[in-house]
Amino acid sequence: MKEITLGQYYQTDSVLHRLDPRVKLVGTLCYIISLFIVNSWPGYVAVGLFLAVMIVLSRVPFSYIVRGMKAIAFILAVTVIFNLFMTPGEPLVSIWKLTVTREGLSFAIKMAVRLVFLIIGSSLMTLTTTPTQLTDALENLMGPLKKLHVPVHEISMMMSIALRFIPILMEETDKIEKAQMARGADFESKSIIQRVKSMVPILVPLFISAFRRANDLAMAMEARCYHGGEGRTRMKPLVYERRDFIAYVILAVFFGLCIAMRLLNL
């Protein structure tokens, strides 16, 4: 569970850390959309190069970033297997009643690459942006929705808290698992049924702990007279600087390149 990096913040001084959080949110959104725009190997290479440059600029150790991939290994394996055997096309290998097709193999690899890039890119945003900055950026970007009486501040706060609770709950899960193992619990059984049963002693105290933490947080916010976003001010207002506009230009060029590669079937 300690391998999950989504929602964690890595403290260091880098170009990405100094960027305005609104730029990073918009950039992450453009990056995710670009993953679904490109549909060829040259396109994935371009996205991969862009991601590699961002990782270098972030100064976050690559080993620390990819550590979070262990948590989605099962989802990744299931995705690849389903695409291998469920995609019709030219047969390559037959295993019993299942057939691996050329199209299925290509699509499975592309989906795996897309999923890996998606997780790494999303983790990179949270690793370089504090929860407070993320909340301020979300609220600012969704500001026009206030005219439609949408509770923008509350939505931003909930999303930020939920994202921040991911690593906290993962740490709590790890502590509970070790405590149960010290009491003789078996989590290494090869039987799927036994593994499912062994999760009950973890899930029950985890839910109790999560509700307790949520209640403590609510009481702390009430004790500090929290009443929503109306009339609230920020200690560090968000102000665009020159590097932020340069980043927007780079994002526009990258996004335009992805669209052009899709239109030209490159």
C-alpha atoms as a PDB file:
ATOM      1  CA  MET A   1       0.000   0.000   0.000  1.00  0.00           C
ATOM      2  CA  LYS A   2       2.927   2.326   0.567  1.00  0.00           C
ATOM      3  CA  GLU A   3       3.615   2.225  -3.172  1.00  0.00           C
ATOM      4  CA  ILE A   4       0.611   4.406  -3.989  1.00  0.00           C
ATOM      5  CA  THR A   5       1.847   7.905  -4.881  1.00  0.00           C
ATOM      6  CA  LEU A   6      -1.424   9.435  -6.128  1.00  0.00           C
ATOM      7  CA  GLY A   7      -2.471  12.214  -3.761  1.00  0.00           C
ATOM      8  CA  GLN A   8       0.967  12.613  -2.168  1.00  0.00           C
ATOM      9  CA  TYR A   9       3.125  15.736  -2.391  1.00  0.00           C
ATOM     10  CA  TYR A  10       6.878  15.545  -3.002  1.00  0.00           C
ATOM     11  CA  GLN A  11       8.674  18.594  -1.603  1.00  0.00           C
ATOM     12  CA  THR A  12      11.447  19.939  -3.822  1.00  0.00           C
ATOM     13  CA  ASP A  13      12.305  23.049  -5.835  1.00  0.00           C
ATOM     14  CA  SER A  14      11.590  22.610  -9.530  1.00  0.00           C
ATOM     15  CA  VAL A  15      10.042  24.397 -12.488  1.00  0.00           C
ATOM     16  CA  LEU A  16       6.812  22.407 -12.162  1.00  0.00           C
ATOM     17  CA  HIS A  17       6.556  23.084  -8.425  1.00  0.00           C
ATOM     18  CA  ARG A  18       6.813  26.832  -9.061  1.00  0.00           C
ATOM     19  CA  LEU A  19       4.149  26.862 -11.790  1.00  0.00           C
ATOM     20  CA  ASP A  20       0.702  28.213 -11.021  1.00  0.00           C
ATOM     21  CA  PRO A  21      -1.568  25.307  -9.939  1.00  0.00           C
ATOM     22  CA  ARG A  22      -4.134  26.370 -12.540  1.00  0.00           C
ATOM     23  CA  VAL A  23      -1.552  25.768 -15.259  1.00  0.00           C
ATOM     24  CA  LYS A  24      -0.861  22.294 -13.894  1.00  0.00           C
ATOM     25  CA  LEU A  25      -4.560  21.438 -13.713  1.00  0.00           C
ATOM     26  CA  VAL A  26      -5.215  22.610 -17.267  1.00  0.00           C
ATOM     27  CA  GLY A  27      -2.033  20.897 -18.426  1.00  0.00           C
ATOM     28  CA  THR A  28      -3.021  17.606 -16.808  1.00  0.00           C
ATOM     29  CA  LEU A  29      -6.470  17.809 -18.408  1.00  0.00           C
ATOM     30  CA  CYS A  30      -4.942  18.489 -21.843  1.00  0.00           C
ATOM     31  CA  TYR A  31      -2.477  15.647 -21.317  1.00  0.00           C
ATOM     32  CA  ILE A  32      -5.258  13.182 -20.425  1.00  0.00           C
ATOM     33  CA  ILE A  33      -7.338  14.252 -23.425  1.00  0.00           C
ATOM     34  CA  SER A  34      -4.290  13.892 -25.677  1.00  0.00           C
ATOM     35  CA  LEU A  35      -3.939  10.252 -24.568  1.00  0.00           C
ATOM     36  CA  PHE A  36      -7.353   9.563 -26.076  1.00  0.00           C
ATOM     37  CA  ILE A  37      -6.751  11.702 -29.158  1.00  0.00           C
ATOM     38  CA  VAL A  38      -3.618   9.934 -30.385  1.00  0.00           C
ATOM     39  CA  ASN A  39      -4.127   6.413 -31.679  1.00  0.00           C
ATOM     40  CA  SER A  40      -0.811   5.496 -33.274  1.00  0.00           C
ATOM     41  CA  TRP A  41       2.677   4.604 -32.134  1.00  0.00           C
ATOM     42  CA  PRO A  42       4.216   7.926 -33.268  1.00  0.00           C
ATOM     43  CA  GLY A  43       1.509   9.657 -31.214  1.00  0.00           C
ATOM     44  CA  TYR A  44       2.305   7.617 -28.117  1.00  0.00           C
ATOM     45  CA  VAL A  45       6.006   8.321 -28.620  1.00  0.00           C
ATOM     46  CA  ALA A  46       5.258  12.067 -28.719  1.00  0.00           C
ATOM     47  CA  VAL A  47       3.161  11.848 -25.547  1.00  0.00           C
ATOM     48  CA  GLY A  48       5.848   9.737 -23.887  1.00  0.00           C
ATOM     49  CA  LEU A  49       8.546  12.283 -24.729  1.00  0.00           C
ATOM     50  CA  PHE A  50       6.386  15.092 -23.356  1.00  0.00           C
ATOM     51  CA  LEU A  51       5.833  13.115 -20.138  1.00  0.00           C
ATOM     52  CA  ALA A  52       9.560  12.343 -19.851  1.00  0.00           C
ATOM     53  CA  VAL A  53      10.428  16.036 -20.134  1.00  0.00           C
ATOM     54  CA  MET A  54       7.871  16.893 -17.426  1.00  0.00           C
ATOM     55  CA  ILE A  55       9.337  14.234 -15.116  1.00  0.00           C
ATOM     56  CA  VAL A  56      12.832  15.652 -15.598  1.00  0.00           C
ATOM     57  CA  LEU A  57      11.595  19.198 -14.937  1.00  0.00           C
ATOM     58  CA  SER A  58       9.740  18.086 -11.795  1.00  0.00           C
ATOM     59  CA  ARG A  59      12.942  16.745 -10.168  1.00  0.00           C
ATOM     60  CA  VAL A  60      10.878  13.958  -8.622  1.00  0.00           C
ATOM     61  CA  PRO A  61      12.810  10.648  -8.696  1.00  0.00           C
ATOM     62  CA  PHE A  62      11.475   8.407 -11.442  1.00  0.00           C
ATOM     63  CA  SER A  63      11.626   5.400  -9.099  1.00  0.00           C
ATOM     64  CA  TYR A  64       9.323   7.254  -6.704  1.00  0.00           C
ATOM     65  CA  ILE A  65       6.821   8.009  -9.476  1.00  0.00           C
ATOM     66  CA  VAL A  66       6.646   4.487 -10.935  1.00  0.00           C
ATOM     67  CA  ARG A  67       6.271   3.053  -7.443  1.00  0.00           C
ATOM     68  CA  GLY A  68       2.580   3.833  -7.734  1.00  0.00           C
ATOM     69  CA  MET A  69       2.246   1.498 -10.731  1.00  0.00           C
ATOM     70  CA  LYS A  70       2.371  -1.560  -8.462  1.00  0.00           C
ATOM     71  CA  ALA A  71      -1.062  -0.666  -7.118  1.00  0.00           C
ATOM     72  CA  ILE A  72      -2.693  -0.914 -10.565  1.00  0.00           C
ATOM     73  CA  ALA A  73      -0.805  -3.991 -11.756  1.00  0.00           C
ATOM     74  CA  PHE A  74      -3.920  -6.168 -11.415  1.00  0.00           C
ATOM     75  CA  ILE A  75      -6.144  -3.704 -13.310  1.00  0.00           C
ATOM     76  CA  LEU A  76      -3.480  -3.399 -15.987  1.00  0.00           C
ATOM     77  CA  ALA A  77      -3.207  -7.189 -16.357  1.00  0.00           C
ATOM     78  CA  VAL A  78      -7.001  -7.631 -16.608  1.00  0.00           C
ATOM     79  CA  THR A  79      -7.227  -4.861 -19.223  1.00  0.00           C
ATOM     80  CA  VAL A  80      -4.503  -6.452 -21.353  1.00  0.00           C
ATOM     81  CA  ILE A  81      -6.006  -9.967 -21.104  1.00  0.00           C
ATOM     82  CA  PHE A  82      -9.517  -8.842 -22.039  1.00  0.00           C
ATOM     83  CA  ASN A  83      -8.275  -6.862 -25.036  1.00  0.00           C
ATOM     84  CA  LEU A  84      -6.070  -9.752 -26.166  1.00  0.00           C
ATOM     85  CA  PHE A  85      -8.850 -12.300 -26.328  1.00  0.00           C
ATOM     86  CA  MET A  86     -11.951 -10.157 -26.937  1.00  0.00           C
ATOM     87  CA  THR A  87     -10.806  -8.169 -29.985  1.00  0.00           C
ATOM     88  CA  PRO A  88     -11.764  -9.753 -33.337  1.00  0.00           C
ATOM     89  CA  GLY A  89      -9.305  -9.781 -36.208  1.00  0.00           C
ATOM     90  CA  GLU A  90      -6.518 -11.799 -37.811  1.00  0.00           C
ATOM     91  CA  PRO A  91      -5.698 -14.849 -35.599  1.00  0.00           C
ATOM     92  CA  LEU A  92      -2.155 -15.179 -34.278  1.00  0.00           C
ATOM     93  CA  VAL A  93      -2.283 -17.796 -31.503  1.00  0.00           C
ATOM     94  CA  SER A  94      -5.079 -20.083 -30.329  1.00  0.00           C
ATOM     95  CA  ILE A  95      -5.220 -21.233 -26.691  1.00  0.00           C
ATOM     96  CA  TRP A  96      -8.054 -23.725 -26.165  1.00  0.00           C
ATOM     97  CA  LYS A  97     -11.185 -21.769 -27.221  1.00  0.00           C
ATOM     98  CA  LEU A  98      -9.460 -18.410 -26.926  1.00  0.00           C
ATOM     99  CA  THR A  99      -7.740 -16.708 -29.843  1.00  0.00           C
ATOM    100  CA  VAL A 100      -5.164 -13.931 -29.755  1.00  0.00           C
ATOM    101  CA  THR A 101      -5.535 -11.657 -32.781  1.00  0.00           C
ATOM    102  CA  ARG A 102      -3.091  -9.223 -34.312  1.00  0.00           C
ATOM    103  CA  GLU A 103      -5.524  -6.372 -33.723  1.00  0.00           C
ATOM    104  CA  GLY A 104      -6.118  -7.530 -30.144  1.00  0.00           C
ATOM    105  CA  LEU A 105      -2.394  -7.608 -29.396  1.00  0.00           C
ATOM    106  CA  SER A 106      -1.893  -4.118 -30.813  1.00  0.00           C
ATOM    107  CA  PHE A 107      -4.922  -2.725 -28.978  1.00  0.00           C
ATOM    108  CA  ALA A 108      -3.918  -4.387 -25.686  1.00  0.00           C
ATOM    109  CA  ILE A 109      -0.426  -2.874 -25.819  1.00  0.00           C
ATOM    110  CA  LYS A 110      -1.848   0.562 -26.665  1.00  0.00           C
ATOM    111  CA  MET A 111      -4.343   0.380 -23.788  1.00  0.00           C
ATOM    112  CA  ALA A 112      -1.571  -0.664 -21.382  1.00  0.00           C
ATOM    113  CA  VAL A 113       0.643   2.225 -22.502  1.00  0.00           C
ATOM    114  CA  ARG A 114      -2.281   4.633 -22.257  1.00  0.00           C
ATOM    115  CA  LEU A 115      -3.144   3.488 -18.732  1.00  0.00           C
ATOM    116  CA  VAL A 116       0.481   3.698 -17.553  1.00  0.00           C
ATOM    117  CA  PHE A 117       0.884   7.194 -19.009  1.00  0.00           C
ATOM    118  CA  LEU A 118      -2.424   8.244 -17.437  1.00  0.00           C
ATOM    119  CA  ILE A 119      -1.448   7.157 -13.921  1.00  0.00           C
ATOM    120  CA  ILE A 120       2.067   8.611 -14.116  1.00  0.00           C
ATOM    121  CA  GLY A 121       0.825  11.931 -15.501  1.00  0.00           C
ATOM    122  CA  SER A 122      -1.904  12.262 -12.862  1.00  0.00           C
ATOM    123  CA  SER A 123       0.531  11.340 -10.081  1.00  0.00           C
ATOM    124  CA  LEU A 124       2.990  13.951 -11.351  1.00  0.00           C
ATOM    125  CA  MET A 125       0.397  16.696 -10.843  1.00  0.00           C
ATOM    126  CA  THR A 126      -0.337  15.712  -7.226  1.00  0.00           C
ATOM    127  CA  LEU A 127       3.371  15.216  -6.491  1.00  0.00           C
ATOM    128  CA  THR A 128       4.112  18.815  -7.525  1.00  0.00           C
ATOM    129  CA  THR A 129       0.979  20.515  -6.140  1.00  0.00           C
ATOM    130  CA  THR A 130      -0.046  20.874  -2.497  1.00  0.00           C
ATOM    131  CA  PRO A 131      -3.689  20.158  -1.516  1.00  0.00           C
ATOM    132  CA  THR A 132      -4.201  23.851  -0.684  1.00  0.00           C
ATOM    133  CA  GLN A 133      -2.944  24.952  -4.104  1.00  0.00           C
ATOM    134  CA  LEU A 134      -5.117  22.322  -5.744  1.00  0.00           C
ATOM    135  CA  THR A 135      -8.215  23.575  -3.912  1.00  0.00           C
ATOM    136  CA  ASP A 136      -7.514  27.205  -4.852  1.00  0.00           C
ATOM    137  CA  ALA A 137      -6.906  26.274  -8.491  1.00  0.00           C
ATOM    138  CA  LEU A 138     -10.095  24.225  -8.772  1.00  0.00           C
ATOM    139  CA  GLU A 139     -12.150  26.980  -7.196  1.00  0.00           C
ATOM    140  CA  ASN A 140     -10.642  29.616  -9.466  1.00  0.00           C
ATOM    141  CA  LEU A 141     -11.113  27.618 -12.675  1.00  0.00           C
ATOM    142  CA  MET A 142     -14.714  26.766 -11.793  1.00  0.00           C
ATOM    143  CA  GLY A 143     -15.414  30.379 -10.772  1.00  0.00           C
ATOM    144  CA  PRO A 144     -17.856  31.101 -13.655  1.00  0.00           C
ATOM    145  CA  LEU A 145     -20.141  28.354 -12.323  1.00  0.00           C
ATOM    146  CA  LYS A 146     -20.864  30.517  -9.266  1.00  0.00           C
ATOM    147  CA  LYS A 147     -23.253  32.528 -11.441  1.00  0.00           C
ATOM    148  CA  LEU A 148     -25.314  29.346 -11.773  1.00  0.00           C
ATOM    149  CA  HIS A 149     -25.338  29.001  -7.949  1.00  0.00           C
ATOM    150  CA  VAL A 150     -22.996  26.013  -8.053  1.00  0.00           C
ATOM    151  CA  PRO A 151     -21.152  25.582  -4.696  1.00  0.00           C
ATOM    152  CA  VAL A 152     -17.732  25.840  -6.323  1.00  0.00           C
ATOM    153  CA  HIS A 153     -15.716  26.224  -3.115  1.00  0.00           C
ATOM    154  CA  GLU A 154     -17.394  23.257  -1.433  1.00  0.00           C
ATOM    155  CA  ILE A 155     -16.867  21.036  -4.478  1.00  0.00           C
ATOM    156  CA  SER A 156     -13.203  22.034  -4.671  1.00  0.00           C
ATOM    157  CA  MET A 157     -12.734  21.401  -0.971  1.00  0.00           C
ATOM    158  CA  MET A 158     -14.350  17.950  -1.182  1.00  0.00           C
ATOM    159  CA  MET A 159     -12.217  16.928  -4.160  1.00  0.00           C
ATOM    160  CA  SER A 160      -9.052  18.142  -2.449  1.00  0.00           C
ATOM    161  CA  ILE A 161      -9.880  16.351   0.815  1.00  0.00           C
ATOM    162  CA  ALA A 162     -10.752  13.136  -1.031  1.00  0.00           C
ATOM    163  CA  LEU A 163      -7.457  13.277  -2.918  1.00  0.00           C
ATOM    164  CA  ARG A 164      -5.535  13.982   0.277  1.00  0.00           C
ATOM    165  CA  PHE A 165      -7.231  11.085   2.080  1.00  0.00           C
ATOM    166  CA  ILE A 166      -5.914   8.520  -0.436  1.00  0.00           C
ATOM    167  CA  PRO A 167      -2.377   8.241   1.013  1.00  0.00           C
ATOM    168  CA  ILE A 168      -3.747   8.544   4.575  1.00  0.00           C
ATOM    169  CA  LEU A 169      -6.106   5.603   4.079  1.00  0.00           C
ATOM    170  CA  MET A 170      -3.361   3.611   2.385  1.00  0.00           C
ATOM    171  CA  GLU A 171      -1.101   4.116   5.402  1.00  0.00           C
ATOM    172  CA  GLU A 172      -3.960   3.123   7.703  1.00  0.00           C
ATOM    173  CA  THR A 173      -4.547  -0.018   5.635  1.00  0.00           C
ATOM    174  CA  ASP A 174      -0.878  -0.941   5.888  1.00  0.00           C
ATOM    175  CA  LYS A 175      -0.921  -0.499   9.687  1.00  0.00           C
ATOM    176  CA  ILE A 176      -4.081  -2.596  10.071  1.00  0.00           C
ATOM    177  CA  GLU A 177      -2.687  -5.333   7.820  1.00  0.00           C
ATOM    178  CA  LYS A 178       0.535  -5.553   9.846  1.00  0.00           C
ATOM    179  CA  ALA A 179      -1.438  -5.594  13.095  1.00  0.00           C
ATOM    180  CA  GLN A 180      -3.617  -8.441  11.811  1.00  0.00           C
ATOM    181  CA  MET A 181      -0.550 -10.372  10.623  1.00  0.00           C
ATOM    182  CA  ALA A 182       0.945 -10.025  14.106  1.00  0.00           C
ATOM    183  CA  ARG A 183      -2.240 -11.678  15.406  1.00  0.00           C
ATOM    184  CA  GLY A 184      -1.813 -14.615  13.031  1.00  0.00           C
ATOM    185  CA  ALA A 185      -3.870 -13.482  10.022  1.00  0.00           C
ATOM    186  CA  ASP A 186      -2.900 -15.118   6.714  1.00  0.00           C
ATOM    187  CA  PHE A 187      -2.845 -12.804   3.700  1.00  0.00           C
ATOM    188  CA  GLU A 188      -0.561 -15.000   1.576  1.00  0.00           C
ATOM    189  CA  SER A 189      -3.038 -17.813   0.911  1.00  0.00           C
ATOM    190  CA  LYS A 190      -3.239 -18.970  -2.703  1.00  0.00           C
ATOM    191  CA  SER A 191      -6.974 -19.582  -2.456  1.00  0.00           C
ATOM    192  CA  ILE A 192      -9.022 -16.659  -3.797  1.00  0.00           C
ATOM    193  CA  ILE A 193     -11.853 -17.403  -1.335  1.00  0.00           C
ATOM    194  CA  GLN A 194      -9.443 -17.324   1.607  1.00  0.00           C
ATOM    195  CA  ARG A 195      -7.959 -14.051   0.385  1.00  0.00           C
ATOM    196  CA  VAL A 196     -11.411 -12.483   0.158  1.00  0.00           C
ATOM    197  CA  LYS A 197     -12.252 -13.670   3.680  1.00  0.00           C
ATOM    198  CA  SER A 198      -8.953 -12.335   4.997  1.00  0.00           C
ATOM    199  CA  MET A 199      -9.877  -8.850   3.748  1.00  0.00           C
ATOM    200  CA  VAL A 200     -12.799  -8.588   6.199  1.00  0.00           C
ATOM    201  CA  PRO A 201     -10.541  -7.984   9.265  1.00  0.00           C
ATOM    202  CA  ILE A 202      -8.934  -5.141   7.288  1.00  0.00           C
ATOM    203  CA  LEU A 203     -11.982  -3.485   5.757  1.00  0.00           C
ATOM    204  CA  VAL A 204     -14.056  -3.266   8.953  1.00  0.00           C
ATOM    205  CA  PRO A 205     -11.490  -1.331  11.054  1.00  0.00           C
ATOM    206  CA  LEU A 206     -10.536   0.691   7.943  1.00  0.00           C
ATOM    207  CA  PHE A 207     -14.120   1.924   7.503  1.00  0.00           C
ATOM    208  CA  ILE A 208     -14.343   2.722  11.208  1.00  0.00           C
ATOM    209  CA  SER A 209     -11.080   4.652  11.042  1.00  0.00           C
ATOM    210  CA  ALA A 210     -12.200   6.530   7.916  1.00  0.00           C
ATOM    211  CA  PHE A 211     -15.482   7.630   9.539  1.00  0.00           C
ATOM    212  CA  ARG A 212     -13.619   8.639  12.694  1.00  0.00           C
ATOM    213  CA  ARG A 213     -11.153  10.739  10.703  1.00  0.00           C
ATOM    214  CA  ALA A 214     -14.005  12.344   8.743  1.00  0.00           C
ATOM    215  CA  ASN A 215     -15.800  13.196  11.988  1.00  0.00           C
ATOM    216  CA  ASP A 216     -12.625  14.674  13.508  1.00  0.00           C
ATOM    217  CA  LEU A 217     -12.067  16.765  10.394  1.00  0.00           C
ATOM    218  CA  ALA A 218     -15.665  18.053  10.461  1.00  0.00           C
ATOM    219  CA  MET A 219     -15.370  19.001  14.139  1.00  0.00           C
ATOM    220  CA  ALA A 220     -12.047  20.763  13.484  1.00  0.00           C
ATOM    221  CA  MET A 221     -13.576  22.779  10.628  1.00  0.00           C
ATOM    222  CA  GLU A 222     -16.574  23.726  12.776  1.00  0.00           C
ATOM    223  CA  ALA A 223     -14.285  24.731  15.661  1.00  0.00           C
ATOM    224  CA  ARG A 224     -12.514  27.099  13.260  1.00  0.00           C
ATOM    225  CA  CYS A 225     -15.860  28.598  12.199  1.00  0.00           C
ATOM    226  CA  TYR A 226     -15.693  27.247   8.673  1.00  0.00           C
ATOM    227  CA  HIS A 227     -18.818  28.287   6.764  1.00  0.00           C
ATOM    228  CA  GLY A 228     -17.977  27.776   3.095  1.00  0.00           C
ATOM    229  CA  GLY A 229     -16.349  29.944   0.475  1.00  0.00           C
ATOM    230  CA  GLU A 230     -18.439  33.114   0.871  1.00  0.00           C
ATOM    231  CA  GLY A 231     -16.212  35.984   1.989  1.00  0.00           C
ATOM    232  CA  ARG A 232     -13.106  33.822   2.418  1.00  0.00           C
ATOM    233  CA  THR A 233      -9.686  35.203   1.474  1.00  0.00           C
ATOM    234  CA  ARG A 234      -6.390  33.506   0.607  1.00  0.00           C
ATOM    235  CA  MET A 235      -3.025  33.983   2.258  1.00  0.00           C
ATOM    236  CA  LYS A 236      -1.340  33.447  -1.128  1.00  0.00           C
ATOM    237  CA  PRO A 237      -3.558  34.695  -3.993  1.00  0.00           C
ATOM    238  CA  LEU A 238      -3.006  33.029  -7.350  1.00  0.00           C
ATOM    239  CA  VAL A 239      -1.189  35.326  -9.774  1.00  0.00           C
ATOM    240  CA  TYR A 240       0.023  34.368 -13.234  1.00  0.00           C
ATOM    241  CA  GLU A 241       3.696  35.006 -13.979  1.00  0.00           C
ATOM    242  CA  ARG A 242       5.714  34.930 -17.174  1.00  0.00           C
ATOM    243  CA  ARG A 243       6.637  31.252 -16.819  1.00  0.00           C
ATOM    244  CA  ASP A 244       2.938  30.357 -16.561  1.00  0.00           C
ATOM    245  CA  PHE A 245       2.148  31.978 -19.922  1.00  0.00           C
ATOM    246  CA  ILE A 246       5.137  30.200 -21.469  1.00  0.00           C
ATOM    247  CA  ALA A 247       3.775  26.931 -20.082  1.00  0.00           C
ATOM    248  CA  TYR A 248       0.364  27.640 -21.657  1.00  0.00           C
ATOM    249  CA  VAL A 249       2.034  28.205 -25.027  1.00  0.00           C
ATOM    250  CA  ILE A 250       3.933  24.893 -24.738  1.00  0.00           C
ATOM    251  CA  LEU A 251       0.684  23.115 -23.803  1.00  0.00           C
ATOM    252  CA  ALA A 252      -1.104  24.642 -26.791  1.00  0.00           C
ATOM    253  CA  VAL A 253       1.676  23.497 -29.138  1.00  0.00           C
ATOM    254  CA  PHE A 254       1.657  19.987 -27.663  1.00  0.00           C
ATOM    255  CA  PHE A 255      -2.134  19.695 -27.816  1.00  0.00           C
ATOM    256  CA  GLY A 256      -2.208  21.033 -31.379  1.00  0.00           C
ATOM    257  CA  LEU A 257       0.464  18.494 -32.371  1.00  0.00           C
ATOM    258  CA  CYS A 258      -1.636  15.642 -30.957  1.00  0.00           C
ATOM    259  CA  ILE A 259      -4.710  16.810 -32.873  1.00  0.00           C
ATOM    260  CA  ALA A 260      -2.676  17.179 -36.089  1.00  0.00           C
ATOM    261  CA  MET A 261      -1.251  13.653 -35.732  1.00  0.00           C
ATOM    262  CA  ARG A 262      -4.758  12.272 -35.287  1.00  0.00           C
ATOM    263  CA  LEU A 263      -6.119  14.147 -38.315  1.00  0.00           C
ATOM    264  CA  LEU A 264      -3.172  13.083 -40.473  1.00  0.00           C
ATOM    265  CA  ASN A 265      -3.352   9.477 -39.189  1.00  0.00           C
ATOM    266  CA  LEU A 266       0.278   9.608 -38.096  1.00  0.00           C
END
